[in-house]
C-alpha atoms as a PDB file:
ATOM      1  CA  MET A   1     164.368  95.906 121.699  1.00  0.00           C
ATOM      2  CA  ASN A   2     167.269  97.894 120.302  1.00  0.00           C
ATOM      3  CA  LEU A   3     167.931  98.536 116.602  1.00  0.00           C
ATOM      4  CA  GLU A   4     170.340  95.613 116.228  1.00  0.00           C
ATOM      5  CA  GLU A   5     167.824  93.189 117.768  1.00  0.00           C
ATOM      6  CA  PHE A   6     165.096  94.612 115.528  1.00  0.00           C
ATOM      7  CA  GLU A   7     167.254  94.101 112.422  1.00  0.00           C
ATOM      8  CA  ASP A   8     167.919  90.492 113.506  1.00  0.00           C
ATOM      9  CA  PHE A   9     164.174  89.997 114.010  1.00  0.00           C
ATOM     10  CA  LEU A  10     163.400  91.308 110.504  1.00  0.00           C
ATOM     11  CA  VAL A  11     165.636  88.741 108.814  1.00  0.00           C
ATOM     12  CA  SER A  12     163.013  86.034 109.320  1.00  0.00           C
ATOM     13  CA  PHE A  13     160.421  87.921 107.224  1.00  0.00           C
ATOM     14  CA  SER A  14     160.454  88.225 103.444  1.00  0.00           C
ATOM     15  CA  HIS A  15     157.343  90.299 102.699  1.00  0.00           C
ATOM     16  CA  VAL A  16     157.200  93.284 105.037  1.00  0.00           C
ATOM     17  CA  GLN A  17     154.588  95.994 104.648  1.00  0.00           C
ATOM     18  CA  VAL A  18     154.691  99.426 106.309  1.00  0.00           C
ATOM     19  CA  CYS A  19     151.579 101.384 107.287  1.00  0.00           C
ATOM     20  CA  SER A  20     151.296 105.075 108.290  1.00  0.00           C
ATOM     21  CA  TYR A  21     148.815 107.921 108.276  1.00  0.00           C
ATOM     22  CA  ASP A  22     149.724 110.614 110.816  1.00  0.00           C
ATOM     23  CA  ALA A  23     152.764 112.791 110.125  1.00  0.00           C
ATOM     24  CA  GLY A  24     154.449 112.268 113.516  1.00  0.00           C
ATOM     25  CA  GLY A  25     154.613 108.484 113.575  1.00  0.00           C
ATOM     26  CA  GLY A  26     154.947 108.346 109.805  1.00  0.00           C
ATOM     27  CA  ASN A  27     157.994 110.608 109.925  1.00  0.00           C
ATOM     28  CA  VAL A  28     159.752 108.430 112.492  1.00  0.00           C
ATOM     29  CA  LEU A  29     158.853 105.156 110.786  1.00  0.00           C
ATOM     30  CA  ALA A  30     159.688 106.376 107.270  1.00  0.00           C
ATOM     31  CA  HIS A  31     163.145 107.520 108.332  1.00  0.00           C
ATOM     32  CA  LEU A  32     163.775 104.255 110.213  1.00  0.00           C
ATOM     33  CA  VAL A  33     162.780 102.145 107.203  1.00  0.00           C
ATOM     34  CA  HIS A  34     164.872 104.368 104.927  1.00  0.00           C
ATOM     35  CA  ALA A  35     167.953 104.269 107.194  1.00  0.00           C
ATOM     36  CA  MET A  36     167.731 100.479 107.457  1.00  0.00           C
ATOM     37  CA  GLY A  37     167.360 100.077 103.685  1.00  0.00           C
ATOM     38  CA  LEU A  38     164.403  97.797 104.354  1.00  0.00           C
ATOM     39  CA  LYS A  39     162.760  96.347 101.243  1.00  0.00           C
ATOM     40  CA  THR A  40     159.048  96.767 101.857  1.00  0.00           C
ATOM     41  CA  ARG A  41     155.658  97.541 100.433  1.00  0.00           C
ATOM     42  CA  PHE A  42     153.631 100.465 101.680  1.00  0.00           C
ATOM     43  CA  VAL A  43     150.067 101.226 102.715  1.00  0.00           C
ATOM     44  CA  ILE A  44     150.374 104.957 103.373  1.00  0.00           C
ATOM     45  CA  ASP A  45     147.722 107.657 103.416  1.00  0.00           C
ATOM     46  CA  GLY A  46     147.091 111.103 104.873  1.00  0.00           C
ATOM     47  CA  PRO A  47     149.866 113.464 105.977  1.00  0.00           C
ATOM     48  CA  SER A  48     152.462 110.650 105.896  1.00  0.00           C
ATOM     49  CA  PHE A  49     152.095 110.379 102.123  1.00  0.00           C
ATOM     50  CA  ALA A  50     154.323 113.414 101.462  1.00  0.00           C
ATOM     51  CA  ILE A  51     157.024 112.130 103.827  1.00  0.00           C
ATOM     52  CA  TYR A  52     157.249 108.711 102.198  1.00  0.00           C
ATOM     53  CA  SER A  53     157.089 110.234  98.703  1.00  0.00           C
ATOM     54  CA  THR A  54     160.168 112.314  99.507  1.00  0.00           C
ATOM     55  CA  LEU A  55     162.241 109.435 100.928  1.00  0.00           C
ATOM     56  CA  PHE A  56     161.348 106.611  98.538  1.00  0.00           C
ATOM     57  CA  PRO A  57     161.684 106.993  94.751  1.00  0.00           C
ATOM     58  CA  GLY A  58     158.726 105.468  92.936  1.00  0.00           C
ATOM     59  CA  PHE A  59     156.749 105.456  96.173  1.00  0.00           C
ATOM     60  CA  SER A  60     153.374 106.326  94.636  1.00  0.00           C
ATOM     61  CA  ILE A  61     153.632 103.306  92.343  1.00  0.00           C
ATOM     62  CA  GLN A  62     154.522 101.017  95.270  1.00  0.00           C
ATOM     63  CA  ASN A  63     151.828 102.345  97.612  1.00  0.00           C
ATOM     64  CA  SER A  64     148.482 100.579  97.967  1.00  0.00           C
ATOM     65  CA  ASP A  65     145.265 100.898  99.926  1.00  0.00           C
ATOM     66  CA  PHE A  66     145.283  97.379 101.319  1.00  0.00           C
ATOM     67  CA  LEU A  67     147.337  94.692 102.985  1.00  0.00           C
ATOM     68  CA  HIS A  68     149.043  92.551 100.340  1.00  0.00           C
ATOM     69  CA  PRO A  69     148.171  88.851 100.493  1.00  0.00           C
ATOM     70  CA  ASP A  70     151.817  87.755 100.766  1.00  0.00           C
ATOM     71  CA  THR A  71     152.633  90.109 103.667  1.00  0.00           C
ATOM     72  CA  ASP A  72     154.244  88.191 106.521  1.00  0.00           C
ATOM     73  CA  LEU A  73     154.984  91.171 108.812  1.00  0.00           C
ATOM     74  CA  LEU A  74     153.287  94.546 109.218  1.00  0.00           C
ATOM     75  CA  ILE A  75     155.160  97.485 110.718  1.00  0.00           C
ATOM     76  CA  SER A  76     152.834 100.370 111.522  1.00  0.00           C
ATOM     77  CA  SER A  77     152.927 103.754 113.123  1.00  0.00           C
ATOM     78  CA  THR A  78     150.012 104.600 115.378  1.00  0.00           C
ATOM     79  CA  GLY A  79     148.048 107.796 115.134  1.00  0.00           C
ATOM     80  CA  TRP A  80     145.029 109.564 116.501  1.00  0.00           C
ATOM     81  CA  GLN A  81     143.803 111.460 113.420  1.00  0.00           C
ATOM     82  CA  SER A  82     142.317 108.445 111.667  1.00  0.00           C
ATOM     83  CA  SER A  83     141.633 104.759 112.012  1.00  0.00           C
ATOM     84  CA  HIS A  84     143.758 103.909 108.934  1.00  0.00           C
ATOM     85  CA  GLU A  85     146.627 102.255 110.837  1.00  0.00           C
ATOM     86  CA  PHE A  86     144.347 100.457 113.276  1.00  0.00           C
ATOM     87  CA  GLU A  87     142.186  99.017 110.488  1.00  0.00           C
ATOM     88  CA  ILE A  88     145.243  97.647 108.674  1.00  0.00           C
ATOM     89  CA  MET A  89     146.704  96.291 111.934  1.00  0.00           C
ATOM     90  CA  GLU A  90     143.402  94.590 112.743  1.00  0.00           C
ATOM     91  CA  GLU A  91     143.267  93.048 109.267  1.00  0.00           C
ATOM     92  CA  ALA A  92     146.818  91.711 109.673  1.00  0.00           C
ATOM     93  CA  LEU A  93     146.138  90.252 113.117  1.00  0.00           C
ATOM     94  CA  LEU A  94     142.939  88.570 111.915  1.00  0.00           C
ATOM     95  CA  LYS A  95     145.027  86.923 109.171  1.00  0.00           C
ATOM     96  CA  GLY A  96     147.645  85.777 111.693  1.00  0.00           C
ATOM     97  CA  ILE A  97     150.263  88.253 110.456  1.00  0.00           C
ATOM     98  CA  PRO A  98     152.568  89.617 113.186  1.00  0.00           C
ATOM     99  CA  VAL A  99     152.329  93.372 113.769  1.00  0.00           C
ATOM    100  CA  VAL A 100     154.987  95.735 115.083  1.00  0.00           C
ATOM    101  CA  ALA A 101     153.563  99.117 116.137  1.00  0.00           C
ATOM    102  CA  ALA A 102     155.978 102.012 116.444  1.00  0.00           C
END
């Protein structure tokens, strides 16, 4: 899927949440979300926290430790340093929420 197709896909979702922990995947995903101007909530922890804090004003107020109940799409980086992303992805899938892993 290219960027244009991904943007078209996103139009059908109104409550997107982004999840990251590791710096590598978090860096890529944070810059993608920022470049797209995507309105989203965050569930960010670990090394990614500093990256998102730099790109998104008011980030620490918007960030949470859990999947919001009204989330209808989760976009997550994947990492190896923790299970943070995988736990949130599993929670979303168990609730029937689509997950995009980058």
